[in-house]
Amino acid sequence: MDIVGFGEHVNGEFIAGCLIATVAGKKQYLHRDGEFTQVGRAMCLAWEHDQSQQELPLAIATAETRLSRKQRRHGGDNHG
């Protein structure tokens, strides 16, 4: 879990080991006493889900590109 990345994403600040950010117009703790608050956990899970969705298409595009180069090199057949 990338708490620093999450803190940057929510424009939060780390004070004495706690992550504080403005949520719905109020300053709230998102991470305190070594664990996420209820609000912080929900926000972090949503952020991690968004991050994983953004990374997936890049991995698929890279794999397809490598496959097409290999096929071009061997004339399209897979007879080694």
PDB file of N, CA and C in Angstrom:
ATOM      1  N   MET A   1       0.848  -1.168   0.000  1.00  0.00           N
ATOM      2  CA  MET A   1       0.000   0.000   0.000  1.00  0.00           C
ATOM      3  C   MET A   1       0.894   1.231   0.000  1.00  0.00           C
ATOM      4  N   ASP A   2       0.655   2.131  -0.916  1.00  0.00           N
ATOM      5  CA  ASP A   2       1.451   3.340  -1.076  1.00  0.00           C
ATOM      6  C   ASP A   2       0.764   4.508  -0.377  1.00  0.00           C
ATOM      7  N   ILE A   3       0.976   4.628   0.922  1.00  0.00           N
ATOM      8  CA  ILE A   3       0.299   5.679   1.686  1.00  0.00           C
ATOM      9  C   ILE A   3       0.800   7.067   1.300  1.00  0.00           C
ATOM     10  N   VAL A   4       2.072   7.175   0.910  1.00  0.00           N
ATOM     11  CA  VAL A   4       2.606   8.472   0.499  1.00  0.00           C
ATOM     12  C   VAL A   4       1.956   8.908  -0.813  1.00  0.00           C
ATOM     13  N   GLY A   5       1.856   7.982  -1.768  1.00  0.00           N
ATOM     14  CA  GLY A   5       1.189   8.281  -3.034  1.00  0.00           C
ATOM     15  C   GLY A   5      -0.266   8.654  -2.830  1.00  0.00           C
ATOM     16  N   PHE A   6      -0.932   7.936  -1.940  1.00  0.00           N
ATOM     17  CA  PHE A   6      -2.323   8.244  -1.636  1.00  0.00           C
ATOM     18  C   PHE A   6      -2.435   9.627  -0.999  1.00  0.00           C
ATOM     19  N   GLY A   7      -1.519   9.935  -0.081  1.00  0.00           N
ATOM     20  CA  GLY A   7      -1.519  11.238   0.562  1.00  0.00           C
ATOM     21  C   GLY A   7      -1.330  12.374  -0.435  1.00  0.00           C
ATOM     22  N   GLU A   8      -0.453  12.166  -1.419  1.00  0.00           N
ATOM     23  CA  GLU A   8      -0.253  13.167  -2.465  1.00  0.00           C
ATOM     24  C   GLU A   8      -1.507  13.299  -3.322  1.00  0.00           C
ATOM     25  N   HIS A   9      -2.141  12.186  -3.605  1.00  0.00           N
ATOM     26  CA  HIS A   9      -3.348  12.191  -4.431  1.00  0.00           C
ATOM     27  C   HIS A   9      -4.473  13.013  -3.797  1.00  0.00           C
ATOM     28  N   VAL A  10      -4.627  12.914  -2.496  1.00  0.00           N
ATOM     29  CA  VAL A  10      -5.710  13.634  -1.815  1.00  0.00           C
ATOM     30  C   VAL A  10      -5.265  15.009  -1.316  1.00  0.00           C
ATOM     31  N   ASN A  11      -4.052  15.421  -1.701  1.00  0.00           N
ATOM     32  CA  ASN A  11      -3.484  16.696  -1.242  1.00  0.00           C
ATOM     33  C   ASN A  11      -3.465  16.774   0.277  1.00  0.00           C
ATOM     34  N   GLY A  12      -3.131  15.667   0.900  1.00  0.00           N
ATOM     35  CA  GLY A  12      -3.084  15.610   2.353  1.00  0.00           C
ATOM     36  C   GLY A  12      -1.728  16.029   2.881  1.00  0.00           C
ATOM     37  N   GLU A  13      -1.642  16.095   4.183  1.00  0.00           N
ATOM     38  CA  GLU A  13      -0.378  16.413   4.828  1.00  0.00           C
ATOM     39  C   GLU A  13      -0.131  15.416   5.946  1.00  0.00           C
ATOM     40  N   PHE A  14       1.134  15.061   6.115  1.00  0.00           N
ATOM     41  CA  PHE A  14       1.521  14.130   7.167  1.00  0.00           C
ATOM     42  C   PHE A  14       2.011  14.932   8.359  1.00  0.00           C
ATOM     43  N   ILE A  15       1.352  14.772   9.475  1.00  0.00           N
ATOM     44  CA  ILE A  15       1.727  15.458  10.699  1.00  0.00           C
ATOM     45  C   ILE A  15       1.803  14.423  11.812  1.00  0.00           C
ATOM     46  N   ALA A  16       2.986  14.293  12.393  1.00  0.00           N
ATOM     47  CA  ALA A  16       3.217  13.347  13.497  1.00  0.00           C
ATOM     48  C   ALA A  16       2.756  11.933  13.141  1.00  0.00           C
ATOM     49  N   GLY A  17       3.038  11.502  11.919  1.00  0.00           N
ATOM     50  CA  GLY A  17       2.685  10.158  11.495  1.00  0.00           C
ATOM     51  C   GLY A  17       1.241   9.958  11.094  1.00  0.00           C
ATOM     52  N   CYS A  18       0.462  11.023  11.070  1.00  0.00           N
ATOM     53  CA  CYS A  18      -0.947  10.946  10.691  1.00  0.00           C
ATOM     54  C   CYS A  18      -1.153  11.628   9.350  1.00  0.00           C
ATOM     55  N   LEU A  19      -2.065  11.111   8.557  1.00  0.00           N
ATOM     56  CA  LEU A  19      -2.423  11.728   7.287  1.00  0.00           C
ATOM     57  C   LEU A  19      -3.720  12.497   7.485  1.00  0.00           C
ATOM     58  N   ILE A  20      -3.668  13.795   7.210  1.00  0.00           N
ATOM     59  CA  ILE A  20      -4.833  14.662   7.367  1.00  0.00           C
ATOM     60  C   ILE A  20      -5.113  15.297   6.012  1.00  0.00           C
ATOM     61  N   ALA A  21      -6.391  15.329   5.621  1.00  0.00           N
ATOM     62  CA  ALA A  21      -6.782  15.939   4.351  1.00  0.00           C
ATOM     63  C   ALA A  21      -8.165  16.563   4.505  1.00  0.00           C
ATOM     64  N   THR A  22      -8.465  17.469   3.595  1.00  0.00           N
ATOM     65  CA  THR A  22      -9.787  18.090   3.586  1.00  0.00           C
ATOM     66  C   THR A  22     -10.728  17.208   2.782  1.00  0.00           C
ATOM     67  N   VAL A  23     -11.794  16.752   3.425  1.00  0.00           N
ATOM     68  CA  VAL A  23     -12.787  15.887   2.801  1.00  0.00           C
ATOM     69  C   VAL A  23     -14.157  16.521   3.055  1.00  0.00           C
ATOM     70  N   ALA A  24     -14.874  16.779   1.995  1.00  0.00           N
ATOM     71  CA  ALA A  24     -16.200  17.396   2.088  1.00  0.00           C
ATOM     72  C   ALA A  24     -16.150  18.706   2.868  1.00  0.00           C
ATOM     73  N   GLY A  25     -15.085  19.480   2.646  1.00  0.00           N
ATOM     74  CA  GLY A  25     -14.967  20.790   3.269  1.00  0.00           C
ATOM     75  C   GLY A  25     -14.461  20.796   4.703  1.00  0.00           C
ATOM     76  N   LYS A  26     -14.132  19.615   5.255  1.00  0.00           N
ATOM     77  CA  LYS A  26     -13.641  19.540   6.633  1.00  0.00           C
ATOM     78  C   LYS A  26     -12.310  18.805   6.671  1.00  0.00           C
ATOM     79  N   LYS A  27     -11.396  19.267   7.521  1.00  0.00           N
ATOM     80  CA  LYS A  27     -10.142  18.539   7.728  1.00  0.00           C
ATOM     81  C   LYS A  27     -10.444  17.285   8.535  1.00  0.00           C
ATOM     82  N   GLN A  28      -9.966  16.156   8.019  1.00  0.00           N
ATOM     83  CA  GLN A  28     -10.228  14.872   8.686  1.00  0.00           C
ATOM     84  C   GLN A  28      -8.973  14.028   8.683  1.00  0.00           C
ATOM     85  N   TYR A  29      -8.864  13.179   9.689  1.00  0.00           N
ATOM     86  CA  TYR A  29      -7.800  12.178   9.705  1.00  0.00           C
ATOM     87  C   TYR A  29      -8.173  11.083   8.718  1.00  0.00           C
ATOM     88  N   LEU A  30      -7.224  10.703   7.873  1.00  0.00           N
ATOM     89  CA  LEU A  30      -7.430   9.565   6.982  1.00  0.00           C
ATOM     90  C   LEU A  30      -6.608   8.369   7.450  1.00  0.00           C
ATOM     91  N   HIS A  31      -5.488   8.629   8.119  1.00  0.00           N
ATOM     92  CA  HIS A  31      -4.643   7.567   8.667  1.00  0.00           C
ATOM     93  C   HIS A  31      -4.134   8.054  10.013  1.00  0.00           C
ATOM     94  N   ARG A  32      -4.429   7.294  11.063  1.00  0.00           N
ATOM     95  CA  ARG A  32      -4.047   7.723  12.408  1.00  0.00           C
ATOM     96  C   ARG A  32      -3.771   6.494  13.274  1.00  0.00           C
ATOM     97  N   ASP A  33      -2.800   6.604  14.134  1.00  0.00           N
ATOM     98  CA  ASP A  33      -2.423   5.517  15.052  1.00  0.00           C
ATOM     99  C   ASP A  33      -2.084   4.230  14.300  1.00  0.00           C
ATOM    100  N   GLY A  34      -1.432   4.368  13.145  1.00  0.00           N
ATOM    101  CA  GLY A  34      -0.974   3.202  12.393  1.00  0.00           C
ATOM    102  C   GLY A  34      -2.021   2.513  11.545  1.00  0.00           C
ATOM    103  N   GLU A  35      -3.223   3.064  11.456  1.00  0.00           N
ATOM    104  CA  GLU A  35      -4.246   2.439  10.611  1.00  0.00           C
ATOM    105  C   GLU A  35      -5.164   3.496  10.009  1.00  0.00           C
ATOM    106  N   PHE A  36      -5.859   3.102   8.967  1.00  0.00           N
ATOM    107  CA  PHE A  36      -6.776   4.016   8.305  1.00  0.00           C
ATOM    108  C   PHE A  36      -8.035   4.222   9.127  1.00  0.00           C
ATOM    109  N   THR A  37      -8.571   5.427   9.040  1.00  0.00           N
ATOM    110  CA  THR A  37      -9.885   5.677   9.607  1.00  0.00           C
ATOM    111  C   THR A  37     -10.913   5.113   8.632  1.00  0.00           C
ATOM    112  N   GLN A  38     -12.160   5.101   9.004  1.00  0.00           N
ATOM    113  CA  GLN A  38     -13.202   4.560   8.126  1.00  0.00           C
ATOM    114  C   GLN A  38     -13.252   5.338   6.803  1.00  0.00           C
ATOM    115  N   VAL A  39     -13.211   6.653   6.881  1.00  0.00           N
ATOM    116  CA  VAL A  39     -13.236   7.486   5.671  1.00  0.00           C
ATOM    117  C   VAL A  39     -11.976   7.262   4.850  1.00  0.00           C
ATOM    118  N   GLY A  40     -10.833   7.211   5.523  1.00  0.00           N
ATOM    119  CA  GLY A  40      -9.552   7.015   4.838  1.00  0.00           C
ATOM    120  C   GLY A  40      -9.470   5.688   4.112  1.00  0.00           C
ATOM    121  N   ARG A  41      -9.968   4.631   4.748  1.00  0.00           N
ATOM    122  CA  ARG A  41      -9.926   3.302   4.124  1.00  0.00           C
ATOM    123  C   ARG A  41     -10.768   3.275   2.844  1.00  0.00           C
ATOM    124  N   ALA A  42     -11.957   3.849   2.902  1.00  0.00           N
ATOM    125  CA  ALA A  42     -12.827   3.872   1.720  1.00  0.00           C
ATOM    126  C   ALA A  42     -12.182   4.662   0.581  1.00  0.00           C
ATOM    127  N   MET A  43     -11.594   5.804   0.923  1.00  0.00           N
ATOM    128  CA  MET A  43     -10.951   6.618  -0.107  1.00  0.00           C
ATOM    129  C   MET A  43      -9.729   5.921  -0.696  1.00  0.00           C
ATOM    130  N   CYS A  44      -8.944   5.272   0.155  1.00  0.00           N
ATOM    131  CA  CYS A  44      -7.740   4.590  -0.312  1.00  0.00           C
ATOM    132  C   CYS A  44      -8.085   3.396  -1.199  1.00  0.00           C
ATOM    133  N   LEU A  45      -9.099   2.623  -0.822  1.00  0.00           N
ATOM    134  CA  LEU A  45      -9.511   1.489  -1.655  1.00  0.00           C
ATOM    135  C   LEU A  45      -9.988   1.955  -3.028  1.00  0.00           C
ATOM    136  N   ALA A  46     -10.734   3.054  -3.073  1.00  0.00           N
ATOM    137  CA  ALA A  46     -11.189   3.597  -4.346  1.00  0.00           C
ATOM    138  C   ALA A  46     -10.003   4.065  -5.179  1.00  0.00           C
ATOM    139  N   TRP A  47      -9.029   4.700  -4.541  1.00  0.00           N
ATOM    140  CA  TRP A  47      -7.838   5.180  -5.237  1.00  0.00           C
ATOM    141  C   TRP A  47      -7.019   4.010  -5.780  1.00  0.00           C
ATOM    142  N   GLU A  48      -6.828   2.945  -4.985  1.00  0.00           N
ATOM    143  CA  GLU A  48      -6.092   1.772  -5.447  1.00  0.00           C
ATOM    144  C   GLU A  48      -6.805   1.114  -6.620  1.00  0.00           C
ATOM    145  N   HIS A  49      -8.133   1.056  -6.581  1.00  0.00           N
ATOM    146  CA  HIS A  49      -8.898   0.474  -7.677  1.00  0.00           C
ATOM    147  C   HIS A  49      -8.675   1.286  -8.958  1.00  0.00           C
ATOM    148  N   ASP A  50      -8.707   2.604  -8.847  1.00  0.00           N
ATOM    149  CA  ASP A  50      -8.462   3.463 -10.005  1.00  0.00           C
ATOM    150  C   ASP A  50      -7.059   3.253 -10.554  1.00  0.00           C
ATOM    151  N   GLN A  51      -6.073   3.107  -9.663  1.00  0.00           N
ATOM    152  CA  GLN A  51      -4.688   2.895 -10.088  1.00  0.00           C
ATOM    153  C   GLN A  51      -4.551   1.580 -10.848  1.00  0.00           C
ATOM    154  N   SER A  52      -5.183   0.527 -10.366  1.00  0.00           N
ATOM    155  CA  SER A  52      -5.066  -0.775 -11.025  1.00  0.00           C
ATOM    156  C   SER A  52      -5.766  -0.764 -12.383  1.00  0.00           C
ATOM    157  N   GLN A  53      -6.841  -0.018 -12.521  1.00  0.00           N
ATOM    158  CA  GLN A  53      -7.545   0.081 -13.802  1.00  0.00           C
ATOM    159  C   GLN A  53      -6.704   0.831 -14.829  1.00  0.00           C
ATOM    160  N   GLN A  54      -5.929   1.798 -14.390  1.00  0.00           N
ATOM    161  CA  GLN A  54      -5.092   2.570 -15.305  1.00  0.00           C
ATOM    162  C   GLN A  54      -3.891   1.770 -15.766  1.00  0.00           C
ATOM    163  N   GLU A  55      -3.361   0.880 -14.947  1.00  0.00           N
ATOM    164  CA  GLU A  55      -2.173   0.111 -15.298  1.00  0.00           C
ATOM    165  C   GLU A  55      -2.486  -1.058 -16.215  1.00  0.00           C
ATOM    166  N   LEU A  56      -3.653  -1.627 -16.148  1.00  0.00           N
ATOM    167  CA  LEU A  56      -3.995  -2.814 -16.910  1.00  0.00           C
ATOM    168  C   LEU A  56      -3.912  -2.626 -18.417  1.00  0.00           C
ATOM    169  N   PRO A  57      -4.506  -1.596 -19.021  1.00  0.00           N
ATOM    170  CA  PRO A  57      -4.415  -1.450 -20.470  1.00  0.00           C
ATOM    171  C   PRO A  57      -2.985  -1.312 -20.984  1.00  0.00           C
ATOM    172  N   LEU A  58      -2.096  -0.703 -20.224  1.00  0.00           N
ATOM    173  CA  LEU A  58      -0.709  -0.568 -20.651  1.00  0.00           C
ATOM    174  C   LEU A  58      -0.033  -1.920 -20.756  1.00  0.00           C
ATOM    175  N   ALA A  59      -0.308  -2.815 -19.819  1.00  0.00           N
ATOM    176  CA  ALA A  59       0.295  -4.142 -19.840  1.00  0.00           C
ATOM    177  C   ALA A  59      -0.218  -4.942 -21.029  1.00  0.00           C
ATOM    178  N   ILE A  60      -1.477  -4.838 -21.349  1.00  0.00           N
ATOM    179  CA  ILE A  60      -2.043  -5.561 -22.484  1.00  0.00           C
ATOM    180  C   ILE A  60      -1.472  -5.019 -23.792  1.00  0.00           C
ATOM    181  N   ALA A  61      -1.390  -3.713 -23.935  1.00  0.00           N
ATOM    182  CA  ALA A  61      -0.865  -3.117 -25.158  1.00  0.00           C
ATOM    183  C   ALA A  61       0.585  -3.525 -25.375  1.00  0.00           C
ATOM    184  N   THR A  62       1.381  -3.574 -24.333  1.00  0.00           N
ATOM    185  CA  THR A  62       2.789  -3.962 -24.449  1.00  0.00           C
ATOM    186  C   THR A  62       2.898  -5.412 -24.895  1.00  0.00           C
ATOM    187  N   ALA A  63       2.104  -6.304 -24.327  1.00  0.00           N
ATOM    188  CA  ALA A  63       2.157  -7.713 -24.691  1.00  0.00           C
ATOM    189  C   ALA A  63       1.751  -7.905 -26.149  1.00  0.00           C
ATOM    190  N   GLU A  64       0.739  -7.204 -26.616  1.00  0.00           N
ATOM    191  CA  GLU A  64       0.316  -7.327 -28.004  1.00  0.00           C
ATOM    192  C   GLU A  64       1.378  -6.807 -28.947  1.00  0.00           C
ATOM    193  N   THR A  65       2.050  -5.733 -28.590  1.00  0.00           N
ATOM    194  CA  THR A  65       3.095  -5.170 -29.431  1.00  0.00           C
ATOM    195  C   THR A  65       4.242  -6.149 -29.570  1.00  0.00           C
ATOM    196  N   ARG A  66       4.664  -6.767 -28.507  1.00  0.00           N
ATOM    197  CA  ARG A  66       5.761  -7.735 -28.568  1.00  0.00           C
ATOM    198  C   ARG A  66       5.371  -8.931 -29.431  1.00  0.00           C
ATOM    199  N   LEU A  67       4.150  -9.387 -29.318  1.00  0.00           N
ATOM    200  CA  LEU A  67       3.687 -10.520 -30.099  1.00  0.00           C
ATOM    201  C   LEU A  67       3.701 -10.194 -31.582  1.00  0.00           C
ATOM    202  N   SER A  68       3.249  -9.011 -31.954  1.00  0.00           N
ATOM    203  CA  SER A  68       3.203  -8.671 -33.366  1.00  0.00           C
ATOM    204  C   SER A  68       4.610  -8.547 -33.945  1.00  0.00           C
ATOM    205  N   ARG A  69       5.573  -8.053 -33.185  1.00  0.00           N
ATOM    206  CA  ARG A  69       6.955  -7.973 -33.670  1.00  0.00           C
ATOM    207  C   ARG A  69       7.521  -9.367 -33.910  1.00  0.00           C
ATOM    208  N   LYS A  70       7.241 -10.279 -32.994  1.00  0.00           N
ATOM    209  CA  LYS A  70       7.738 -11.641 -33.127  1.00  0.00           C
ATOM    210  C   LYS A  70       7.128 -12.303 -34.359  1.00  0.00           C
ATOM    211  N   GLN A  71       5.848 -12.096 -34.578  1.00  0.00           N
ATOM    212  CA  GLN A  71       5.198 -12.681 -35.735  1.00  0.00           C
ATOM    213  C   GLN A  71       5.781 -12.119 -37.020  1.00  0.00           C
ATOM    214  N   ARG A  72       6.083 -10.838 -37.063  1.00  0.00           N
ATOM    215  CA  ARG A  72       6.669 -10.233 -38.261  1.00  0.00           C
ATOM    216  C   ARG A  72       8.041 -10.810 -38.544  1.00  0.00           C
ATOM    217  N   ARG A  73       8.827 -11.039 -37.507  1.00  0.00           N
ATOM    218  CA  ARG A  73      10.175 -11.558 -37.672  1.00  0.00           C
ATOM    219  C   ARG A  73      10.171 -12.968 -38.268  1.00  0.00           C
ATOM    220  N   HIS A  74       9.185 -13.771 -37.901  1.00  0.00           N
ATOM    221  CA  HIS A  74       9.124 -15.169 -38.357  1.00  0.00           C
ATOM    222  C   HIS A  74       8.155 -15.364 -39.518  1.00  0.00           C
ATOM    223  N   GLY A  75       7.752 -14.312 -40.140  1.00  0.00           N
ATOM    224  CA  GLY A  75       6.884 -14.432 -41.302  1.00  0.00           C
ATOM    225  C   GLY A  75       5.464 -14.852 -40.974  1.00  0.00           C
ATOM    226  N   GLY A  76       5.053 -14.768 -39.738  1.00  0.00           N
ATOM    227  CA  GLY A  76       3.677 -15.062 -39.378  1.00  0.00           C
ATOM    228  C   GLY A  76       3.431 -16.505 -38.976  1.00  0.00           C
ATOM    229  N   ASP A  77       4.369 -17.425 -39.235  1.00  0.00           N
ATOM    230  CA  ASP A  77       4.144 -18.809 -38.807  1.00  0.00           C
ATOM    231  C   ASP A  77       4.925 -19.083 -37.531  1.00  0.00           C
ATOM    232  N   ASN A  78       4.480 -20.072 -36.795  1.00  0.00           N
ATOM    233  CA  ASN A  78       5.095 -20.395 -35.508  1.00  0.00           C
ATOM    234  C   ASN A  78       5.815 -21.731 -35.570  1.00  0.00           C
ATOM    235  N   HIS A  79       6.569 -21.996 -36.629  1.00  0.00           N
ATOM    236  CA  HIS A  79       7.255 -23.279 -36.778  1.00  0.00           C
ATOM    237  C   HIS A  79       8.693 -23.225 -36.282  1.00  0.00           C
ATOM    238  N   GLY A  80       9.049 -22.193 -35.510  1.00  0.00           N
ATOM    239  CA  GLY A  80      10.348 -22.086 -34.865  1.00  0.00           C
ATOM    240  C   GLY A  80      11.443 -21.925 -35.792  1.00  0.00           C
TER     241      GLY A  80
END
